[in-house]
N, C-alpha and C. Protein backbone atom coordinates (compact mmCIF):
# COMPACT_ATOMS: atom_id res chain seq x y z
N MET A 1 -14.06 -8.27 -4.06
CA MET A 1 -14.66 -8.87 -2.96
C MET A 1 -15.25 -9.89 -3.49
N SER A 2 -15.07 -11.38 -2.68
CA SER A 2 -16.03 -12.33 -3.11
C SER A 2 -16.92 -12.43 -2.74
N ILE A 3 -18.02 -13.03 -2.99
CA ILE A 3 -19.10 -13.49 -2.57
C ILE A 3 -19.49 -14.16 -1.24
N GLY A 4 -18.79 -14.79 -0.76
CA GLY A 4 -18.39 -15.25 0.61
C GLY A 4 -18.22 -13.90 1.36
N GLU A 5 -17.37 -13.22 1.11
CA GLU A 5 -16.97 -11.92 1.84
C GLU A 5 -18.12 -10.91 1.88
N ALA A 6 -19.00 -10.72 0.85
CA ALA A 6 -20.16 -10.09 0.79
C ALA A 6 -21.02 -10.45 1.87
N ALA A 7 -21.35 -11.53 1.89
CA ALA A 7 -22.31 -12.32 2.24
C ALA A 7 -22.22 -12.30 3.70
N CYS A 8 -20.61 -12.35 4.26
CA CYS A 8 -20.46 -12.52 5.71
C CYS A 8 -20.62 -11.15 6.30
N SER A 9 -20.07 -9.85 5.42
CA SER A 9 -20.55 -8.56 5.66
C SER A 9 -21.38 -8.27 5.95
N TYR A 10 -22.77 -8.66 5.32
CA TYR A 10 -23.90 -8.30 5.37
C TYR A 10 -24.53 -8.98 6.66
N ALA A 11 -24.16 -10.11 6.60
CA ALA A 11 -24.55 -11.06 8.14
C ALA A 11 -24.01 -10.26 9.30
N VAL A 12 -22.73 -10.09 9.23
CA VAL A 12 -22.44 -9.16 10.55
C VAL A 12 -23.06 -7.86 10.88
N MET A 13 -23.52 -7.19 9.77
CA MET A 13 -24.28 -5.75 9.80
C MET A 13 -25.56 -6.02 10.19
N ILE A 14 -26.57 -7.35 9.94
CA ILE A 14 -27.60 -7.39 10.33
C ILE A 14 -27.49 -7.92 11.85
N LEU A 15 -26.65 -8.75 11.90
CA LEU A 15 -26.60 -9.16 13.65
C LEU A 15 -26.44 -7.77 14.37
N ASN A 16 -25.44 -6.91 13.96
CA ASN A 16 -24.96 -5.74 14.86
C ASN A 16 -26.28 -4.92 14.77
N GLU A 17 -26.81 -4.55 13.82
CA GLU A 17 -27.99 -3.78 13.79
C GLU A 17 -29.02 -4.10 14.67
N ASP A 18 -29.23 -5.63 14.81
CA ASP A 18 -30.27 -6.17 15.96
C ASP A 18 -29.68 -6.22 17.28
N GLY A 19 -28.31 -6.20 17.47
CA GLY A 19 -27.92 -5.97 18.83
C GLY A 19 -27.85 -7.58 19.55
N ILE A 20 -27.46 -8.48 18.35
CA ILE A 20 -27.44 -10.02 18.73
C ILE A 20 -25.68 -9.90 18.73
N PRO A 21 -25.19 -10.72 19.51
CA PRO A 21 -23.45 -11.08 19.65
C PRO A 21 -23.27 -11.54 18.27
N VAL A 22 -22.18 -11.10 17.50
CA VAL A 22 -21.89 -11.83 16.40
C VAL A 22 -20.81 -12.96 16.76
N THR A 23 -21.43 -14.14 16.21
CA THR A 23 -20.52 -15.29 16.17
C THR A 23 -20.44 -15.98 14.99
N SER A 24 -19.62 -16.94 14.67
CA SER A 24 -19.49 -17.63 13.69
C SER A 24 -20.65 -18.57 13.01
N GLU A 25 -21.30 -19.14 14.11
CA GLU A 25 -22.27 -19.76 13.99
C GLU A 25 -23.86 -18.99 13.64
N LYS A 26 -23.95 -17.64 14.21
CA LYS A 26 -24.78 -16.90 13.61
C LYS A 26 -24.90 -16.27 12.32
N ILE A 27 -23.54 -15.89 11.84
CA ILE A 27 -23.02 -15.57 10.55
C ILE A 27 -23.39 -16.75 9.60
N SER A 28 -23.27 -17.92 9.58
CA SER A 28 -23.24 -18.78 8.85
C SER A 28 -24.79 -19.14 8.59
N THR A 29 -25.80 -19.12 10.08
CA THR A 29 -26.99 -19.32 9.77
C THR A 29 -28.08 -18.36 8.82
N LEU A 30 -27.29 -16.78 9.14
CA LEU A 30 -28.04 -15.95 8.33
C LEU A 30 -27.35 -16.33 6.69
N VAL A 31 -26.36 -16.68 6.58
CA VAL A 31 -25.68 -16.83 5.49
C VAL A 31 -26.50 -18.09 4.57
N LYS A 32 -26.97 -19.21 5.32
CA LYS A 32 -27.09 -20.25 4.97
C LYS A 32 -28.81 -19.91 4.74
N ALA A 33 -29.56 -19.12 5.39
CA ALA A 33 -30.86 -18.37 5.09
C ALA A 33 -31.22 -17.80 3.79
N ALA A 34 -29.81 -17.32 3.44
CA ALA A 34 -29.89 -16.22 2.05
C ALA A 34 -29.52 -17.27 1.10
N LYS A 35 -29.36 -18.51 1.17
CA LYS A 35 -28.84 -19.31 0.33
C LYS A 35 -27.69 -19.05 -0.36
N VAL A 36 -26.82 -18.66 0.20
CA VAL A 36 -25.50 -18.49 -0.06
C VAL A 36 -24.45 -19.13 0.47
N LYS A 37 -23.71 -19.76 -0.76
CA LYS A 37 -22.37 -20.68 -0.25
C LYS A 37 -21.35 -20.09 0.06
N VAL A 38 -20.92 -20.38 1.17
CA VAL A 38 -19.64 -19.39 1.53
C VAL A 38 -18.62 -20.60 1.93
N GLU A 39 -17.13 -20.22 1.69
CA GLU A 39 -16.14 -21.19 2.47
C GLU A 39 -16.16 -21.25 4.01
N PRO A 40 -16.05 -22.30 4.54
CA PRO A 40 -16.28 -22.40 5.77
C PRO A 40 -15.33 -21.21 6.97
N TYR A 41 -14.47 -20.68 6.10
CA TYR A 41 -13.50 -20.00 6.96
C TYR A 41 -14.05 -18.58 7.09
N TRP A 42 -14.55 -18.02 6.22
CA TRP A 42 -15.37 -16.52 6.27
C TRP A 42 -16.10 -16.37 7.45
N PRO A 43 -17.13 -17.30 7.82
CA PRO A 43 -17.59 -17.02 9.21
C PRO A 43 -16.73 -16.56 10.20
N ILE A 44 -15.83 -17.62 10.45
CA ILE A 44 -14.90 -17.54 11.18
C ILE A 44 -13.95 -16.41 11.58
N LEU A 45 -13.46 -15.88 10.49
CA LEU A 45 -12.79 -14.80 10.19
C LEU A 45 -13.57 -13.67 10.52
N PHE A 46 -14.63 -13.40 9.97
CA PHE A 46 -15.79 -12.22 10.52
C PHE A 46 -15.79 -12.11 11.95
N ALA A 47 -16.30 -13.44 12.61
CA ALA A 47 -16.53 -13.12 13.83
C ALA A 47 -15.17 -13.11 14.68
N LYS A 48 -14.34 -13.32 14.24
CA LYS A 48 -12.74 -12.90 15.09
C LYS A 48 -12.92 -11.27 14.93
N LEU A 49 -12.99 -11.10 13.80
CA LEU A 49 -12.81 -9.35 13.45
C LEU A 49 -14.07 -8.66 14.61
N ALA A 50 -15.04 -9.18 14.57
CA ALA A 50 -16.18 -8.67 15.82
C ALA A 50 -15.65 -8.97 16.98
N GLU A 51 -14.89 -9.76 17.32
CA GLU A 51 -14.46 -9.95 18.79
C GLU A 51 -13.48 -8.90 19.06
N LYS A 52 -12.64 -8.24 18.18
CA LYS A 52 -11.53 -7.32 18.22
C LYS A 52 -12.24 -5.96 18.05
N ARG A 53 -12.97 -5.56 17.17
CA ARG A 53 -13.33 -4.33 16.71
C ARG A 53 -14.61 -3.93 16.78
N SER A 54 -14.82 -2.88 17.18
CA SER A 54 -16.39 -2.56 17.24
C SER A 54 -17.05 -2.47 15.91
N ILE A 55 -18.00 -2.78 15.75
CA ILE A 55 -18.71 -3.16 14.21
C ILE A 55 -19.11 -1.68 14.03
N ALA A 56 -19.89 -1.15 14.91
CA ALA A 56 -20.19 0.22 14.52
C ALA A 56 -19.47 1.49 14.59
N ASP A 57 -18.05 1.00 14.84
CA ASP A 57 -17.14 2.24 14.64
C ASP A 57 -16.52 1.77 13.03
N LEU A 58 -16.33 0.40 12.84
CA LEU A 58 -16.11 0.20 11.56
C LEU A 58 -17.03 0.88 10.41
N LEU A 59 -18.23 0.44 10.69
CA LEU A 59 -19.21 1.35 9.91
C LEU A 59 -18.86 2.56 9.68
N SER A 60 -18.90 3.18 10.79
CA SER A 60 -18.79 4.70 10.64
C SER A 60 -17.51 5.48 10.27
N ASN A 61 -16.74 4.60 9.91
CA ASN A 61 -15.37 4.83 9.55
C ASN A 61 -15.05 4.31 7.92
N VAL A 62 -16.35 4.24 7.39
CA VAL A 62 -15.84 3.42 5.95
C VAL A 62 -15.39 4.07 4.91
N GLY A 63 -15.80 5.75 5.42
CA GLY A 63 -15.14 6.91 3.92
C GLY A 63 -14.19 7.24 4.54
N ALA A 64 -13.34 6.95 5.78
CA ALA A 64 -12.24 7.63 5.98
C ALA A 64 -10.92 6.84 5.63
N GLY A 65 -10.48 7.53 4.91
CA GLY A 65 -9.33 6.89 4.35
C GLY A 65 -7.99 6.87 5.25
N GLY A 66 -7.34 5.82 5.09
CA GLY A 66 -5.91 5.64 5.86
C GLY A 66 -4.94 6.65 5.40
N GLY A 67 -5.07 7.63 4.79
CA GLY A 67 -4.24 8.44 4.27
C GLY A 67 -2.94 8.82 5.02
N GLY A 68 -1.93 9.58 4.62
CA GLY A 68 -0.65 10.02 5.15
C GLY A 68 -1.28 11.00 6.57
N ALA A 69 0.02 11.13 7.49
CA ALA A 69 -0.04 11.86 8.55
C ALA A 69 -0.19 13.45 8.09
N PRO A 70 -1.14 14.45 9.13
CA PRO A 70 -1.33 15.65 8.51
C PRO A 70 0.18 16.15 8.57
N VAL A 71 0.34 17.11 7.53
CA VAL A 71 1.84 17.61 7.53
C VAL A 71 1.74 19.01 8.74
N ALA A 72 2.74 19.22 9.12
CA ALA A 72 2.80 20.16 10.25
C ALA A 72 3.37 21.64 9.61
N ALA A 73 2.72 22.62 10.27
CA ALA A 73 3.33 23.97 9.52
C ALA A 73 4.80 24.14 10.18
N ALA A 74 5.75 24.71 8.96
CA ALA A 74 6.97 25.02 9.41
C ALA A 74 7.21 25.98 10.16
N ALA A 75 8.14 26.22 11.44
CA ALA A 75 8.49 27.27 12.00
C ALA A 75 8.82 28.27 11.29
N PRO A 76 8.37 29.37 11.56
CA PRO A 76 9.02 30.70 10.78
C PRO A 76 10.68 30.95 11.20
N ALA A 77 11.36 31.40 10.28
CA ALA A 77 12.70 31.69 10.48
C ALA A 77 12.68 32.76 11.29
N GLY A 78 13.70 32.89 12.15
CA GLY A 78 13.95 34.15 12.75
C GLY A 78 13.79 33.93 14.12
N GLY A 79 13.09 33.26 14.73
CA GLY A 79 13.07 33.36 16.19
C GLY A 79 12.67 34.21 17.05
N GLY A 80 12.18 34.91 16.55
CA GLY A 80 11.90 36.44 17.31
C GLY A 80 10.70 35.97 18.43
N GLY A 81 10.12 35.43 18.48
CA GLY A 81 8.89 34.82 19.38
C GLY A 81 7.90 35.77 19.13
N GLY A 82 6.93 35.91 20.16
CA GLY A 82 5.84 36.67 20.25
C GLY A 82 4.56 36.25 19.78
N ALA A 83 3.71 36.97 19.12
CA ALA A 83 2.55 36.49 18.96
C ALA A 83 2.55 36.55 17.40
N ALA A 84 3.13 37.21 16.45
CA ALA A 84 3.16 37.11 15.22
C ALA A 84 3.54 35.90 14.56
N PRO A 85 4.48 35.15 15.13
CA PRO A 85 4.75 33.57 14.57
C PRO A 85 3.64 32.54 14.86
N ALA A 86 3.09 32.67 15.76
CA ALA A 86 1.88 32.00 16.19
C ALA A 86 0.65 31.90 15.52
N ALA A 87 0.56 33.40 15.42
CA ALA A 87 -0.53 33.80 14.26
C ALA A 87 -0.41 33.10 13.01
N ALA A 88 0.67 33.43 12.46
CA ALA A 88 1.39 32.89 11.20
C ALA A 88 1.05 31.45 11.18
N ALA A 89 1.71 30.73 11.89
CA ALA A 89 1.23 29.17 11.93
C ALA A 89 -0.05 28.85 12.07
N ALA A 90 -0.93 29.69 12.44
CA ALA A 90 -2.24 29.10 12.98
C ALA A 90 -3.20 29.42 11.44
N ALA A 91 -2.94 30.51 10.85
CA ALA A 91 -3.14 30.64 9.58
C ALA A 91 -3.24 29.94 8.42
N ALA A 92 -1.80 29.26 8.55
CA ALA A 92 -1.47 28.51 7.39
C ALA A 92 -2.52 27.35 7.20
N PRO A 93 -2.78 26.62 8.24
CA PRO A 93 -3.39 25.54 7.94
C PRO A 93 -5.05 25.85 7.48
N ALA A 94 -5.49 27.13 7.96
CA ALA A 94 -6.54 27.42 7.58
C ALA A 94 -6.67 27.86 6.09
N ALA A 95 -5.89 28.31 5.61
CA ALA A 95 -5.55 28.62 4.03
C ALA A 95 -5.54 27.47 3.18
N GLU A 96 -5.13 26.34 3.87
CA GLU A 96 -4.68 24.99 3.05
C GLU A 96 -6.21 24.36 3.11
N GLU A 97 -7.02 24.48 4.09
CA GLU A 97 -8.56 23.74 4.16
C GLU A 97 -9.29 24.22 3.08
N LYS A 98 -9.09 25.41 2.34
CA LYS A 98 -9.74 26.21 1.54
C LYS A 98 -9.15 25.68 0.11
N LYS A 99 -9.69 24.45 -0.40
CA LYS A 99 -9.10 23.98 -1.65
C LYS A 99 -10.55 24.10 -2.59
N GLU A 100 -10.33 24.66 -3.86
CA GLU A 100 -11.16 24.68 -4.98
C GLU A 100 -11.44 23.32 -5.39
N GLU A 101 -12.68 23.04 -5.61
CA GLU A 101 -12.95 21.78 -6.29
C GLU A 101 -12.96 21.52 -7.79
N PRO A 102 -12.09 20.49 -8.37
CA PRO A 102 -12.27 20.67 -9.87
C PRO A 102 -13.51 20.84 -10.56
N GLN A 103 -13.60 21.48 -11.57
CA GLN A 103 -14.60 21.88 -12.49
C GLN A 103 -14.71 20.59 -13.30
N GLU A 104 -15.72 20.18 -13.75
CA GLU A 104 -16.10 19.15 -14.76
C GLU A 104 -15.56 19.88 -15.86
N GLU A 105 -15.01 19.11 -16.83
CA GLU A 105 -14.83 19.35 -17.96
C GLU A 105 -15.67 18.58 -19.30
N SER A 106 -15.92 19.77 -20.23
CA SER A 106 -16.84 19.04 -20.97
C SER A 106 -16.11 18.63 -22.52
N ASP A 107 -16.67 18.17 -23.14
CA ASP A 107 -15.76 17.92 -24.82
C ASP A 107 -15.43 18.81 -25.50
N ASP A 108 -16.26 20.00 -25.22
CA ASP A 108 -15.95 21.32 -26.15
C ASP A 108 -14.84 22.01 -25.36
N ASP A 109 -14.28 21.86 -24.18
CA ASP A 109 -13.18 22.13 -23.24
C ASP A 109 -12.03 21.41 -23.65
N MET A 110 -12.25 20.06 -24.23
CA MET A 110 -11.05 19.36 -24.46
C MET A 110 -10.58 19.32 -25.89
N GLY A 111 -11.16 20.05 -26.55
CA GLY A 111 -10.97 20.25 -27.96
C GLY A 111 -11.49 18.97 -28.99
N PHE A 112 -12.38 18.23 -28.54
CA PHE A 112 -12.88 17.34 -29.45
C PHE A 112 -14.02 16.85 -29.25
N SER A 113 -14.56 16.20 -30.00
CA SER A 113 -16.13 15.58 -29.76
C SER A 113 -16.31 14.17 -30.12
N LEU A 114 -17.45 13.81 -29.97
CA LEU A 114 -17.59 12.15 -30.23
C LEU A 114 -17.66 12.37 -31.64
N PHE A 115 -18.42 13.49 -32.18
CA PHE A 115 -18.86 13.39 -33.72
C PHE A 115 -18.17 14.36 -34.38
N ASP A 116 -16.76 14.52 -33.92
CA ASP A 116 -15.83 15.38 -35.05
C ASP A 116 -15.38 14.58 -35.79
């Protein structure tokens, strides 16, 4: 991220927090007040983004990755119907959610040390 992008990002967040409409002029004013020089196109780009997207939504979804689509559970073979296949399909996603976190490895676990 360039300095211009960072400065404009902070300006947009400040304007949004104060409930002030985000415009390229207001972004430029804040950036100039911070004594940061940016290319003239950055405030315009950030203002256009603020017109199309809710800044609050963008900020609340910062950590949400754009990963792949969720994997659907496979239908059980045999087509017997009834409650058992539905229960098996419901239990499969619950089992996937419980994943163990990897344990941190120390130098001793890896078989070498800084001072060997």
